[in-house]
Amino acid sequence: MDAFRKQLDVLMGANRNGDVEEVSRNYYDRDVCRLFLAGLCPHDLFQLTKMDLGPCSKIHSLQLRKDYEEAKAKGTENFDRELEDMIERLIVECDRKIQRALKRLADDDANAAIAISVSEVTLTDDILQLSKQIKEKMAEVDAFDFEGRTDDKIKAQEVVEELRAKRADMQATLLLDAFNKDRASLTQPAPPQVAAVPPPAPPDARTQEIINEKLKKAEELGEQGMVDEAQKALEEAEALKKLAPRSEPPSDPSKYTAADVRITDQKLRLCDICGAFLSVYDNDRRLADHFGGKLHLGYMLIREKQKELQVNSCMLKPEIQVRYWRFMKQINSSRVSKL
C-alpha cells in the first residue's frame, strides 16, 4: 500500500484528497531523493525481484526534478557525483558476484568458465537504434506524467514495452547463434558404458523335461476338445519357463541422445551485465525472457547511466572538477547548517 500511495503522491501530489496540509518544498530539502532528481533511484529498478530494495523513504517529485534540472543548467547545483557513487557500488557488487560465479564454474569445469560477452554479442546497429527509441519514449512518459496526460502516458508506456520485447527477441536470436557456435565447439562427454549382461541360463534338464510334458499334455487335451484343461497346462509350462533367471536386455550406448547428455552435462555461461546464469542449451524464448526481465533491464540502465555520467564528467577539466565539487560541498554544508 505504501508503494501505491507513493506513486499517487508523485502523480497527483500529497494533497490529492484535500486532507493534507500543503507543504512548500525545494529540490534541495533533506527529505527529497537526490538520486531521483539526478535521474535514477535504485529503489525503482528492481521491484518484485530478489534485488528489490523496497520503496524509497524520500520524496520523488517530477516538479522538483524540473526545478533541479533548471538549477543544474545554470551551474548552481549538481547531484551527479552522488548518483555516480551509488551506481559504482551496485556495479562493483554485481561484478564481484560474476567473478565468484566464474570461479565456481572453473572449479567444476574449466571450459564452463568461458564468459561470452553478452553486451558485445548483442550489440548491433538495430539494437542500438531500438535502445535509442526506448530512451526517447521513456522521456515522453516522464513528460506526459509531469503534464498529467495520463492517457498519453499509458500509450507511450505500451510502446516502450513493445520496443523492449522486440529488442529482447533480437538479442535472444543473436545470443542463441553465439551459443550454437559455442555448443558446436564443446566436446560432448561419452555416455556411460553399460556392462554387457550375459543371456539368461537355460532351464536344467529336469525342468525342461517337465515343460515338454506339459506342452504335450496341452496338445492332447486340445485335440480332445478340453480347452480349459489345455489352457491350464500351457500356463503351467509358461510358469516353469519363468523360473529361469531373467534380466533386462543390455543397453546400447549408441542410442544415447543429445538430450540425455544435456541433463548430465549442463554448460553454463554468465551474463556479463546482470550476472545471471545462462545455459548454452537454452532456447530463444528462455533467452528473450532473460533480456526482458527487470533484473537485466535494471543493471543495463545502471551501466548505461554510468557511461553517461563518465562522459559528462570527462567534459570538465580536472582542475575545474575539483573546484566545482568543492563549491558544491560548501553550498550543501551551508544549507544543512540553516536547517
C-alpha atoms as a PDB file:
ATOM      1  CA  MET A   1       0.000   0.000   0.000  1.00  0.00           C
ATOM      2  CA  ASP A   2       2.844   2.399   0.784  1.00  0.00           C
ATOM      3  CA  ALA A   3       4.276   1.893  -2.698  1.00  0.00           C
ATOM      4  CA  PHE A   4       0.910   2.667  -4.362  1.00  0.00           C
ATOM      5  CA  ARG A   5       0.386   5.680  -2.112  1.00  0.00           C
ATOM      6  CA  LYS A   6       3.831   6.967  -3.044  1.00  0.00           C
ATOM      7  CA  GLN A   7       3.090   6.595  -6.752  1.00  0.00           C
ATOM      8  CA  LEU A   8      -0.135   8.564  -6.331  1.00  0.00           C
ATOM      9  CA  ASP A   9       1.787  11.261  -4.471  1.00  0.00           C
ATOM     10  CA  VAL A  10       4.195  11.527  -7.395  1.00  0.00           C
ATOM     11  CA  LEU A  11       1.374  11.707  -9.945  1.00  0.00           C
ATOM     12  CA  MET A  12      -1.202  13.857  -8.134  1.00  0.00           C
ATOM     13  CA  GLY A  13       0.591  15.399  -5.175  1.00  0.00           C
ATOM     14  CA  ALA A  14       0.388  14.641  -1.468  1.00  0.00           C
ATOM     15  CA  ASN A  15      -2.773  16.767  -1.145  1.00  0.00           C
ATOM     16  CA  ARG A  16      -4.714  14.840  -3.792  1.00  0.00           C
ATOM     17  CA  ASN A  17      -7.551  14.140  -1.321  1.00  0.00           C
ATOM     18  CA  GLY A  18      -7.575  17.636   0.173  1.00  0.00           C
ATOM     19  CA  ASP A  19      -6.856  16.306   3.657  1.00  0.00           C
ATOM     20  CA  VAL A  20      -3.143  17.086   3.867  1.00  0.00           C
ATOM     21  CA  GLU A  21      -1.704  20.473   4.596  1.00  0.00           C
ATOM     22  CA  GLU A  22       0.190  21.665   1.542  1.00  0.00           C
ATOM     23  CA  VAL A  23       3.905  21.957   2.231  1.00  0.00           C
ATOM     24  CA  SER A  24       6.151  24.073   0.056  1.00  0.00           C
ATOM     25  CA  ARG A  25       9.273  22.083  -0.778  1.00  0.00           C
ATOM     26  CA  ASN A  26      12.520  22.760  -2.552  1.00  0.00           C
ATOM     27  CA  TYR A  27      14.574  20.273  -4.508  1.00  0.00           C
ATOM     28  CA  TYR A  28      17.465  20.612  -2.044  1.00  0.00           C
ATOM     29  CA  ASP A  29      15.383  19.654   1.022  1.00  0.00           C
ATOM     30  CA  ARG A  30      16.754  16.739   3.021  1.00  0.00           C
ATOM     31  CA  ASP A  31      13.625  14.597   2.562  1.00  0.00           C
ATOM     32  CA  VAL A  32      13.812  14.818  -1.263  1.00  0.00           C
ATOM     33  CA  CYS A  33      15.534  11.957  -3.096  1.00  0.00           C
ATOM     34  CA  ARG A  34      18.584  13.387  -4.826  1.00  0.00           C
ATOM     35  CA  LEU A  35      19.136  10.210  -6.807  1.00  0.00           C
ATOM     36  CA  PHE A  36      15.661  10.544  -8.318  1.00  0.00           C
ATOM     37  CA  LEU A  37      16.390  14.171  -9.175  1.00  0.00           C
ATOM     38  CA  ALA A  38      19.646  13.119 -10.862  1.00  0.00           C
ATOM     39  CA  GLY A  39      17.735  10.630 -12.992  1.00  0.00           C
ATOM     40  CA  LEU A  40      17.896   7.171 -11.395  1.00  0.00           C
ATOM     41  CA  CYS A  41      16.747   5.910  -7.995  1.00  0.00           C
ATOM     42  CA  PRO A  42      17.747   2.267  -7.324  1.00  0.00           C
ATOM     43  CA  HIS A  43      14.508   1.649  -5.408  1.00  0.00           C
ATOM     44  CA  ASP A  44      12.589   1.954  -8.709  1.00  0.00           C
ATOM     45  CA  LEU A  45      14.725  -0.516 -10.676  1.00  0.00           C
ATOM     46  CA  PHE A  46      14.353  -3.975  -9.140  1.00  0.00           C
ATOM     47  CA  GLN A  47      10.777  -4.048  -7.894  1.00  0.00           C
ATOM     48  CA  LEU A  48       9.405  -7.574  -7.274  1.00  0.00           C
ATOM     49  CA  THR A  49      12.810  -9.199  -7.837  1.00  0.00           C
ATOM     50  CA  LYS A  50      15.363 -10.731  -5.472  1.00  0.00           C
ATOM     51  CA  MET A  51      17.192  -7.373  -5.576  1.00  0.00           C
ATOM     52  CA  ASP A  52      14.093  -5.399  -4.531  1.00  0.00           C
ATOM     53  CA  LEU A  53      15.161  -2.577  -2.190  1.00  0.00           C
ATOM     54  CA  GLY A  54      11.609  -1.662  -1.223  1.00  0.00           C
ATOM     55  CA  PRO A  55      10.005   1.784  -1.609  1.00  0.00           C
ATOM     56  CA  CYS A  56      12.269   4.804  -1.296  1.00  0.00           C
ATOM     57  CA  SER A  57      11.895   6.626   2.022  1.00  0.00           C
ATOM     58  CA  LYS A  58      12.358  10.027   0.391  1.00  0.00           C
ATOM     59  CA  ILE A  59      10.139  12.136  -1.838  1.00  0.00           C
ATOM     60  CA  HIS A  60      10.023  11.629  -5.609  1.00  0.00           C
ATOM     61  CA  SER A  61       8.584  14.661  -7.363  1.00  0.00           C
ATOM     62  CA  LEU A  62       8.671  15.443 -11.068  1.00  0.00           C
ATOM     63  CA  GLN A  63       8.175  19.136 -10.336  1.00  0.00           C
ATOM     64  CA  LEU A  64      11.192  19.173  -8.030  1.00  0.00           C
ATOM     65  CA  ARG A  65      13.191  17.300 -10.660  1.00  0.00           C
ATOM     66  CA  LYS A  66      12.332  20.022 -13.158  1.00  0.00           C
ATOM     67  CA  ASP A  67      13.443  22.690 -10.665  1.00  0.00           C
ATOM     68  CA  TYR A  68      16.681  20.789 -10.110  1.00  0.00           C
ATOM     69  CA  GLU A  69      17.372  20.469 -13.841  1.00  0.00           C
ATOM     70  CA  GLU A  70      16.890  24.222 -14.245  1.00  0.00           C
ATOM     71  CA  ALA A  71      19.332  24.863 -11.400  1.00  0.00           C
ATOM     72  CA  LYS A  72      21.778  22.369 -12.894  1.00  0.00           C
ATOM     73  CA  ALA A  73      21.600  24.105 -16.271  1.00  0.00           C
ATOM     74  CA  LYS A  74      22.558  27.363 -14.544  1.00  0.00           C
ATOM     75  CA  GLY A  75      25.518  25.626 -12.884  1.00  0.00           C
ATOM     76  CA  THR A  76      24.313  26.165  -9.316  1.00  0.00           C
ATOM     77  CA  GLU A  77      23.545  22.528  -8.464  1.00  0.00           C
ATOM     78  CA  ASN A  78      24.697  19.049  -9.446  1.00  0.00           C
ATOM     79  CA  PHE A  79      23.911  15.713  -7.774  1.00  0.00           C
ATOM     80  CA  ASP A  80      25.650  13.583 -10.406  1.00  0.00           C
ATOM     81  CA  ARG A  81      28.500  12.706  -8.052  1.00  0.00           C
ATOM     82  CA  GLU A  82      26.130  11.120  -5.519  1.00  0.00           C
ATOM     83  CA  LEU A  83      24.395   9.168  -8.275  1.00  0.00           C
ATOM     84  CA  GLU A  84      27.739   8.034  -9.688  1.00  0.00           C
ATOM     85  CA  ASP A  85      28.870   6.769  -6.261  1.00  0.00           C
ATOM     86  CA  MET A  86      25.647   4.782  -5.815  1.00  0.00           C
ATOM     87  CA  ILE A  87      25.907   3.282  -9.310  1.00  0.00           C
ATOM     88  CA  GLU A  88      29.532   2.334  -8.749  1.00  0.00           C
ATOM     89  CA  ARG A  89      28.638   0.448  -5.555  1.00  0.00           C
ATOM     90  CA  LEU A  90      25.914  -1.538  -7.335  1.00  0.00           C
ATOM     91  CA  ILE A  91      28.165  -2.382 -10.284  1.00  0.00           C
ATOM     92  CA  VAL A  92      31.079  -3.412  -8.052  1.00  0.00           C
ATOM     93  CA  GLU A  93      28.760  -5.728  -6.117  1.00  0.00           C
ATOM     94  CA  CYS A  94      27.428  -7.243  -9.354  1.00  0.00           C
ATOM     95  CA  ASP A  95      30.937  -7.714 -10.795  1.00  0.00           C
ATOM     96  CA  ARG A  96      32.055  -9.465  -7.603  1.00  0.00           C
ATOM     97  CA  LYS A  97      29.122 -11.837  -7.910  1.00  0.00           C
ATOM     98  CA  ILE A  98      30.114 -12.559 -11.511  1.00  0.00           C
ATOM     99  CA  GLN A  99      33.719 -13.304 -10.526  1.00  0.00           C
ATOM    100  CA  ARG A 100      32.608 -15.651  -7.726  1.00  0.00           C
ATOM    101  CA  ALA A 101      30.313 -17.496 -10.121  1.00  0.00           C
ATOM    102  CA  LEU A 102      33.073 -17.808 -12.728  1.00  0.00           C
ATOM    103  CA  LYS A 103      35.421 -19.241 -10.121  1.00  0.00           C
ATOM    104  CA  ARG A 104      32.804 -21.767  -9.057  1.00  0.00           C
ATOM    105  CA  LEU A 105      32.263 -22.821 -12.656  1.00  0.00           C
ATOM    106  CA  ALA A 106      36.011 -23.083 -13.206  1.00  0.00           C
ATOM    107  CA  ASP A 107      36.297 -25.448 -10.242  1.00  0.00           C
ATOM    108  CA  ASP A 108      33.717 -27.763 -11.814  1.00  0.00           C
ATOM    109  CA  ASP A 109      34.769 -27.476 -15.429  1.00  0.00           C
ATOM    110  CA  ALA A 110      37.477 -25.248 -16.869  1.00  0.00           C
ATOM    111  CA  ASN A 111      35.641 -24.956 -20.191  1.00  0.00           C
ATOM    112  CA  ALA A 112      32.500 -23.728 -18.438  1.00  0.00           C
ATOM    113  CA  ALA A 113      34.301 -20.618 -17.186  1.00  0.00           C
ATOM    114  CA  ILE A 114      34.445 -19.161 -20.687  1.00  0.00           C
ATOM    115  CA  ALA A 115      32.430 -15.960 -20.388  1.00  0.00           C
ATOM    116  CA  ILE A 116      30.596 -14.949 -23.545  1.00  0.00           C
ATOM    117  CA  SER A 117      30.333 -11.175 -23.527  1.00  0.00           C
ATOM    118  CA  VAL A 118      26.584 -10.708 -23.833  1.00  0.00           C
ATOM    119  CA  SER A 119      26.982  -6.951 -24.213  1.00  0.00           C
ATOM    120  CA  GLU A 120      29.261  -7.432 -27.244  1.00  0.00           C
ATOM    121  CA  VAL A 121      27.354 -10.278 -28.889  1.00  0.00           C
ATOM    122  CA  THR A 122      24.033  -8.430 -28.687  1.00  0.00           C
ATOM    123  CA  LEU A 123      25.390  -5.026 -29.709  1.00  0.00           C
ATOM    124  CA  THR A 124      24.277  -4.292 -33.270  1.00  0.00           C
ATOM    125  CA  ASP A 125      23.096  -1.184 -35.086  1.00  0.00           C
ATOM    126  CA  ASP A 126      19.462  -2.344 -34.998  1.00  0.00           C
ATOM    127  CA  ILE A 127      19.562  -2.940 -31.247  1.00  0.00           C
ATOM    128  CA  LEU A 128      21.264   0.406 -30.648  1.00  0.00           C
ATOM    129  CA  GLN A 129      18.519   2.080 -32.666  1.00  0.00           C
ATOM    130  CA  LEU A 130      15.833   0.323 -30.611  1.00  0.00           C
ATOM    131  CA  SER A 131      17.562   1.363 -27.380  1.00  0.00           C
ATOM    132  CA  LYS A 132      17.584   4.951 -28.596  1.00  0.00           C
ATOM    133  CA  GLN A 133      13.865   4.802 -29.383  1.00  0.00           C
ATOM    134  CA  ILE A 134      13.143   3.304 -25.953  1.00  0.00           C
ATOM    135  CA  LYS A 135      15.067   6.100 -24.256  1.00  0.00           C
ATOM    136  CA  GLU A 136      13.157   8.738 -26.212  1.00  0.00           C
ATOM    137  CA  LYS A 137       9.812   7.130 -25.387  1.00  0.00           C
ATOM    138  CA  MET A 138      10.703   6.936 -21.695  1.00  0.00           C
ATOM    139  CA  ALA A 139      11.436  10.665 -21.788  1.00  0.00           C
ATOM    140  CA  GLU A 140       7.977  11.171 -23.315  1.00  0.00           C
ATOM    141  CA  VAL A 141       6.459   9.097 -20.498  1.00  0.00           C
ATOM    142  CA  ASP A 142       8.046  11.397 -17.910  1.00  0.00           C
ATOM    143  CA  ALA A 143       6.864  14.468 -19.828  1.00  0.00           C
ATOM    144  CA  PHE A 144       3.277  13.182 -20.052  1.00  0.00           C
ATOM    145  CA  ASP A 145       3.441  12.211 -16.383  1.00  0.00           C
ATOM    146  CA  PHE A 146       4.529  15.720 -15.408  1.00  0.00           C
ATOM    147  CA  GLU A 147       1.786  17.321 -17.518  1.00  0.00           C
ATOM    148  CA  GLY A 148      -0.887  14.996 -16.124  1.00  0.00           C
ATOM    149  CA  ARG A 149      -1.723  13.472 -19.531  1.00  0.00           C
ATOM    150  CA  THR A 150      -2.495  10.003 -18.230  1.00  0.00           C
ATOM    151  CA  ASP A 151      -3.882   8.534 -21.467  1.00  0.00           C
ATOM    152  CA  ASP A 152      -0.855   9.639 -23.483  1.00  0.00           C
ATOM    153  CA  LYS A 153       1.429   8.306 -20.761  1.00  0.00           C
ATOM    154  CA  ILE A 154      -0.222   4.866 -20.864  1.00  0.00           C
ATOM    155  CA  LYS A 155       0.053   4.730 -24.663  1.00  0.00           C
ATOM    156  CA  ALA A 156       3.724   5.702 -24.508  1.00  0.00           C
ATOM    157  CA  GLN A 157       4.367   3.021 -21.876  1.00  0.00           C
ATOM    158  CA  GLU A 158       2.743   0.407 -24.119  1.00  0.00           C
ATOM    159  CA  VAL A 159       5.044   1.455 -26.963  1.00  0.00           C
ATOM    160  CA  VAL A 160       8.035   1.154 -24.617  1.00  0.00           C
ATOM    161  CA  GLU A 161       7.020  -2.394 -23.663  1.00  0.00           C
ATOM    162  CA  GLU A 162       6.608  -3.355 -27.325  1.00  0.00           C
ATOM    163  CA  LEU A 163      10.034  -1.948 -28.208  1.00  0.00           C
ATOM    164  CA  ARG A 164      11.617  -3.736 -25.251  1.00  0.00           C
ATOM    165  CA  ALA A 165      10.024  -7.043 -26.262  1.00  0.00           C
ATOM    166  CA  LYS A 166      11.262  -6.583 -29.831  1.00  0.00           C
ATOM    167  CA  ARG A 167      14.764  -5.781 -28.610  1.00  0.00           C
ATOM    168  CA  ALA A 168      14.734  -8.796 -26.274  1.00  0.00           C
ATOM    169  CA  ASP A 169      13.760 -11.113 -29.153  1.00  0.00           C
ATOM    170  CA  MET A 170      16.568  -9.746 -31.333  1.00  0.00           C
ATOM    171  CA  GLN A 171      19.096 -10.090 -28.512  1.00  0.00           C
ATOM    172  CA  ALA A 172      17.928 -13.647 -27.838  1.00  0.00           C
ATOM    173  CA  THR A 173      18.393 -14.590 -31.504  1.00  0.00           C
ATOM    174  CA  LEU A 174      21.926 -13.169 -31.588  1.00  0.00           C
ATOM    175  CA  LEU A 175      22.923 -14.866 -28.347  1.00  0.00           C
ATOM    176  CA  LEU A 176      21.366 -18.148 -29.478  1.00  0.00           C
ATOM    177  CA  ASP A 177      23.571 -18.078 -32.588  1.00  0.00           C
ATOM    178  CA  ALA A 178      26.616 -17.487 -30.386  1.00  0.00           C
ATOM    179  CA  PHE A 179      25.580 -20.354 -28.107  1.00  0.00           C
ATOM    180  CA  ASN A 180      25.141 -22.658 -31.109  1.00  0.00           C
ATOM    181  CA  LYS A 181      28.723 -21.953 -32.167  1.00  0.00           C
ATOM    182  CA  ASP A 182      29.881 -22.384 -28.586  1.00  0.00           C
ATOM    183  CA  ARG A 183      27.999 -25.658 -28.248  1.00  0.00           C
ATOM    184  CA  ALA A 184      29.461 -26.976 -31.504  1.00  0.00           C
ATOM    185  CA  SER A 185      32.965 -26.406 -30.142  1.00  0.00           C
ATOM    186  CA  LEU A 186      32.259 -28.344 -26.959  1.00  0.00           C
ATOM    187  CA  THR A 187      33.410 -31.947 -26.728  1.00  0.00           C
ATOM    188  CA  GLN A 188      30.398 -33.994 -25.808  1.00  0.00           C
ATOM    189  CA  PRO A 189      31.189 -36.418 -22.988  1.00  0.00           C
ATOM    190  CA  ALA A 190      30.978 -40.075 -23.847  1.00  0.00           C
ATOM    191  CA  PRO A 191      27.843 -41.717 -22.464  1.00  0.00           C
ATOM    192  CA  PRO A 192      28.432 -44.129 -19.610  1.00  0.00           C
ATOM    193  CA  GLN A 193      29.423 -47.597 -20.732  1.00  0.00           C
ATOM    194  CA  VAL A 194      26.950 -50.248 -19.647  1.00  0.00           C
ATOM    195  CA  ALA A 195      28.423 -53.624 -18.849  1.00  0.00           C
ATOM    196  CA  ALA A 196      27.093 -56.401 -21.049  1.00  0.00           C
ATOM    197  CA  VAL A 197      24.722 -58.696 -19.209  1.00  0.00           C
ATOM    198  CA  PRO A 198      25.085 -62.398 -20.019  1.00  0.00           C
ATOM    199  CA  PRO A 199      21.999 -64.072 -21.504  1.00  0.00           C
ATOM    200  CA  PRO A 200      19.794 -65.992 -19.060  1.00  0.00           C
ATOM    201  CA  ALA A 201      20.850 -69.548 -18.391  1.00  0.00           C
ATOM    202  CA  PRO A 202      18.591 -72.210 -19.950  1.00  0.00           C
ATOM    203  CA  PRO A 203      16.494 -74.337 -17.587  1.00  0.00           C
ATOM    204  CA  ASP A 204      18.068 -77.532 -16.318  1.00  0.00           C
ATOM    205  CA  ALA A 205      17.297 -80.900 -17.948  1.00  0.00           C
ATOM    206  CA  ARG A 206      14.664 -81.961 -15.391  1.00  0.00           C
ATOM    207  CA  THR A 207      12.769 -78.665 -15.670  1.00  0.00           C
ATOM    208  CA  GLN A 208      12.916 -78.806 -19.454  1.00  0.00           C
ATOM    209  CA  GLU A 209      11.542 -82.357 -19.388  1.00  0.00           C
ATOM    210  CA  ILE A 210       8.573 -81.268 -17.262  1.00  0.00           C
ATOM    211  CA  ILE A 211       7.928 -78.335 -19.601  1.00  0.00           C
ATOM    212  CA  ASN A 212       7.883 -80.685 -22.604  1.00  0.00           C
ATOM    213  CA  GLU A 213       5.441 -82.999 -20.832  1.00  0.00           C
ATOM    214  CA  LYS A 214       3.126 -80.092 -20.029  1.00  0.00           C
ATOM    215  CA  LEU A 215       3.182 -78.915 -23.643  1.00  0.00           C
ATOM    216  CA  LYS A 216       2.461 -82.432 -24.930  1.00  0.00           C
ATOM    217  CA  LYS A 217      -0.403 -82.820 -22.461  1.00  0.00           C
ATOM    218  CA  ALA A 218      -1.856 -79.463 -23.524  1.00  0.00           C
ATOM    219  CA  GLU A 219      -1.756 -80.575 -27.160  1.00  0.00           C
ATOM    220  CA  GLU A 220      -3.559 -83.848 -26.373  1.00  0.00           C
ATOM    221  CA  LEU A 221      -6.227 -82.082 -24.311  1.00  0.00           C
ATOM    222  CA  GLY A 222      -6.745 -79.618 -27.125  1.00  0.00           C
ATOM    223  CA  GLU A 223      -7.349 -82.438 -29.611  1.00  0.00           C
ATOM    224  CA  GLN A 224      -9.933 -83.912 -27.227  1.00  0.00           C
ATOM    225  CA  GLY A 225     -11.776 -80.588 -27.057  1.00  0.00           C
ATOM    226  CA  MET A 226     -10.902 -79.939 -23.420  1.00  0.00           C
ATOM    227  CA  VAL A 227      -9.969 -76.292 -23.934  1.00  0.00           C
ATOM    228  CA  ASP A 228      -9.867 -75.196 -20.278  1.00  0.00           C
ATOM    229  CA  GLU A 229      -7.593 -78.058 -19.231  1.00  0.00           C
ATOM    230  CA  ALA A 230      -5.319 -77.451 -22.229  1.00  0.00           C
ATOM    231  CA  GLN A 231      -5.069 -73.744 -21.352  1.00  0.00           C
ATOM    232  CA  LYS A 232      -4.181 -74.609 -17.768  1.00  0.00           C
ATOM    233  CA  ALA A 233      -1.393 -76.952 -18.907  1.00  0.00           C
ATOM    234  CA  LEU A 234       0.044 -74.238 -21.145  1.00  0.00           C
ATOM    235  CA  GLU A 235       0.044 -71.753 -18.265  1.00  0.00           C
ATOM    236  CA  GLU A 236       1.904 -74.247 -16.073  1.00  0.00           C
ATOM    237  CA  ALA A 237       4.514 -74.706 -18.803  1.00  0.00           C
ATOM    238  CA  GLU A 238       4.985 -70.959 -19.130  1.00  0.00           C
ATOM    239  CA  ALA A 239       5.340 -70.635 -15.360  1.00  0.00           C
ATOM    240  CA  LEU A 240       8.129 -73.215 -15.395  1.00  0.00           C
ATOM    241  CA  LYS A 241       9.940 -71.269 -18.112  1.00  0.00           C
ATOM    242  CA  LYS A 242       9.866 -68.133 -15.966  1.00  0.00           C
ATOM    243  CA  LEU A 243      11.646 -69.925 -13.150  1.00  0.00           C
ATOM    244  CA  ALA A 244      14.903 -69.430 -15.045  1.00  0.00           C
ATOM    245  CA  PRO A 245      16.695 -66.128 -14.144  1.00  0.00           C
ATOM    246  CA  ARG A 246      15.832 -63.276 -16.469  1.00  0.00           C
ATOM    247  CA  SER A 247      17.371 -59.853 -16.815  1.00  0.00           C
ATOM    248  CA  GLU A 248      16.818 -56.711 -18.854  1.00  0.00           C
ATOM    249  CA  PRO A 249      18.457 -56.614 -22.265  1.00  0.00           C
ATOM    250  CA  PRO A 250      21.742 -54.690 -22.318  1.00  0.00           C
ATOM    251  CA  SER A 251      21.521 -51.019 -23.209  1.00  0.00           C
ATOM    252  CA  ASP A 252      23.082 -49.847 -26.414  1.00  0.00           C
ATOM    253  CA  PRO A 253      25.393 -46.862 -25.712  1.00  0.00           C
ATOM    254  CA  SER A 254      24.952 -45.667 -29.286  1.00  0.00           C
ATOM    255  CA  LYS A 255      21.285 -44.927 -28.539  1.00  0.00           C
ATOM    256  CA  TYR A 256      22.089 -42.065 -26.123  1.00  0.00           C
ATOM    257  CA  THR A 257      20.682 -38.807 -27.469  1.00  0.00           C
ATOM    258  CA  ALA A 258      21.900 -35.242 -27.092  1.00  0.00           C
ATOM    259  CA  ALA A 259      19.060 -34.594 -24.636  1.00  0.00           C
ATOM    260  CA  ASP A 260      20.448 -37.287 -22.312  1.00  0.00           C
ATOM    261  CA  VAL A 261      23.854 -35.644 -22.419  1.00  0.00           C
ATOM    262  CA  ARG A 262      22.390 -32.196 -21.700  1.00  0.00           C
ATOM    263  CA  ILE A 263      20.768 -33.376 -18.495  1.00  0.00           C
ATOM    264  CA  THR A 264      24.034 -34.638 -17.061  1.00  0.00           C
ATOM    265  CA  ASP A 265      26.324 -32.021 -18.604  1.00  0.00           C
ATOM    266  CA  GLN A 266      24.773 -28.544 -18.467  1.00  0.00           C
ATOM    267  CA  LYS A 267      27.185 -25.967 -19.885  1.00  0.00           C
ATOM    268  CA  LEU A 268      26.544 -22.655 -18.146  1.00  0.00           C
ATOM    269  CA  ARG A 269      27.550 -19.163 -19.194  1.00  0.00           C
ATOM    270  CA  LEU A 270      27.273 -15.900 -17.284  1.00  0.00           C
ATOM    271  CA  CYS A 271      25.604 -12.702 -18.408  1.00  0.00           C
ATOM    272  CA  ASP A 272      28.269 -10.002 -18.038  1.00  0.00           C
ATOM    273  CA  ILE A 273      25.582  -7.363 -17.436  1.00  0.00           C
ATOM    274  CA  CYS A 274      23.490  -8.759 -14.569  1.00  0.00           C
ATOM    275  CA  GLY A 275      25.393 -11.924 -13.555  1.00  0.00           C
ATOM    276  CA  ALA A 276      22.572 -14.377 -14.312  1.00  0.00           C
ATOM    277  CA  PHE A 277      23.351 -17.966 -15.334  1.00  0.00           C
ATOM    278  CA  LEU A 278      22.519 -18.917 -18.919  1.00  0.00           C
ATOM    279  CA  SER A 279      22.790 -22.380 -20.417  1.00  0.00           C
ATOM    280  CA  VAL A 280      24.121 -22.944 -23.917  1.00  0.00           C
ATOM    281  CA  TYR A 281      21.113 -25.245 -24.361  1.00  0.00           C
ATOM    282  CA  ASP A 282      18.545 -22.508 -23.592  1.00  0.00           C
ATOM    283  CA  ASN A 283      16.042 -21.792 -26.347  1.00  0.00           C
ATOM    284  CA  ASP A 284      15.264 -18.357 -27.775  1.00  0.00           C
ATOM    285  CA  ARG A 285      12.153 -17.928 -25.588  1.00  0.00           C
ATOM    286  CA  ARG A 286      14.133 -18.507 -22.406  1.00  0.00           C
ATOM    287  CA  LEU A 287      16.816 -16.036 -23.527  1.00  0.00           C
ATOM    288  CA  ALA A 288      14.194 -13.437 -24.505  1.00  0.00           C
ATOM    289  CA  ASP A 289      12.651 -13.715 -21.023  1.00  0.00           C
ATOM    290  CA  HIS A 290      16.088 -13.053 -19.570  1.00  0.00           C
ATOM    291  CA  PHE A 291      16.696  -9.934 -21.678  1.00  0.00           C
ATOM    292  CA  GLY A 292      13.219  -8.615 -20.880  1.00  0.00           C
ATOM    293  CA  GLY A 293      13.467  -9.305 -17.145  1.00  0.00           C
ATOM    294  CA  LYS A 294      13.563  -6.496 -14.582  1.00  0.00           C
ATOM    295  CA  LEU A 295      16.913  -7.596 -13.183  1.00  0.00           C
ATOM    296  CA  HIS A 296      18.688  -7.465 -16.543  1.00  0.00           C
ATOM    297  CA  LEU A 297      16.957  -4.231 -17.594  1.00  0.00           C
ATOM    298  CA  GLY A 298      17.798  -2.633 -14.244  1.00  0.00           C
ATOM    299  CA  TYR A 299      21.511  -3.393 -14.459  1.00  0.00           C
ATOM    300  CA  MET A 300      21.535  -2.346 -18.104  1.00  0.00           C
ATOM    301  CA  LEU A 301      20.089   1.056 -17.153  1.00  0.00           C
ATOM    302  CA  ILE A 302      22.654   1.371 -14.366  1.00  0.00           C
ATOM    303  CA  ARG A 303      25.594   0.638 -16.664  1.00  0.00           C
ATOM    304  CA  GLU A 304      24.283   2.986 -19.357  1.00  0.00           C
ATOM    305  CA  LYS A 305      23.824   5.746 -16.780  1.00  0.00           C
ATOM    306  CA  GLN A 306      27.368   5.202 -15.521  1.00  0.00           C
ATOM    307  CA  LYS A 307      28.772   5.676 -19.035  1.00  0.00           C
ATOM    308  CA  GLU A 308      26.680   8.825 -19.455  1.00  0.00           C
ATOM    309  CA  LEU A 309      27.942  10.274 -16.173  1.00  0.00           C
ATOM    310  CA  GLN A 310      31.537   9.411 -17.044  1.00  0.00           C
ATOM    311  CA  VAL A 311      31.213  11.194 -20.387  1.00  0.00           C
ATOM    312  CA  ASN A 312      29.744  14.274 -18.709  1.00  0.00           C
ATOM    313  CA  SER A 313      32.485  14.218 -16.089  1.00  0.00           C
ATOM    314  CA  CYS A 314      35.246  13.969 -18.702  1.00  0.00           C
ATOM    315  CA  MET A 315      33.932  17.090 -20.408  1.00  0.00           C
ATOM    316  CA  LEU A 316      35.247  19.131 -17.464  1.00  0.00           C
ATOM    317  CA  LYS A 317      38.954  19.680 -16.959  1.00  0.00           C
ATOM    318  CA  PRO A 318      40.412  18.079 -13.806  1.00  0.00           C
ATOM    319  CA  GLU A 319      41.124  21.370 -12.061  1.00  0.00           C
ATOM    320  CA  ILE A 320      37.630  22.620 -12.878  1.00  0.00           C
ATOM    321  CA  GLN A 321      36.132  19.403 -11.483  1.00  0.00           C
ATOM    322  CA  VAL A 322      37.962  19.819  -8.165  1.00  0.00           C
ATOM    323  CA  ARG A 323      36.893  23.429  -7.776  1.00  0.00           C
ATOM    324  CA  TYR A 324      33.346  22.583  -8.813  1.00  0.00           C
ATOM    325  CA  TRP A 325      32.901  19.764  -6.284  1.00  0.00           C
ATOM    326  CA  ARG A 326      34.412  21.913  -3.513  1.00  0.00           C
ATOM    327  CA  PHE A 327      31.978  24.693  -4.386  1.00  0.00           C
ATOM    328  CA  MET A 328      29.017  22.287  -4.332  1.00  0.00           C
ATOM    329  CA  LYS A 329      30.151  20.875  -0.986  1.00  0.00           C
ATOM    330  CA  GLN A 330      30.264  24.362   0.528  1.00  0.00           C
ATOM    331  CA  ILE A 331      26.757  25.123  -0.736  1.00  0.00           C
ATOM    332  CA  ASN A 332      25.357  21.883   0.692  1.00  0.00           C
ATOM    333  CA  SER A 333      27.080  22.479   4.043  1.00  0.00           C
ATOM    334  CA  SER A 334      25.638  25.973   4.310  1.00  0.00           C
ATOM    335  CA  ARG A 335      22.142  24.657   3.564  1.00  0.00           C
ATOM    336  CA  VAL A 336      22.413  21.955   6.209  1.00  0.00           C
ATOM    337  CA  SER A 337      23.541  24.485   8.812  1.00  0.00           C
ATOM    338  CA  LYS A 338      20.490  26.640   8.095  1.00  0.00           C
ATOM    339  CA  LEU A 339      18.057  23.746   8.637  1.00  0.00           C
END
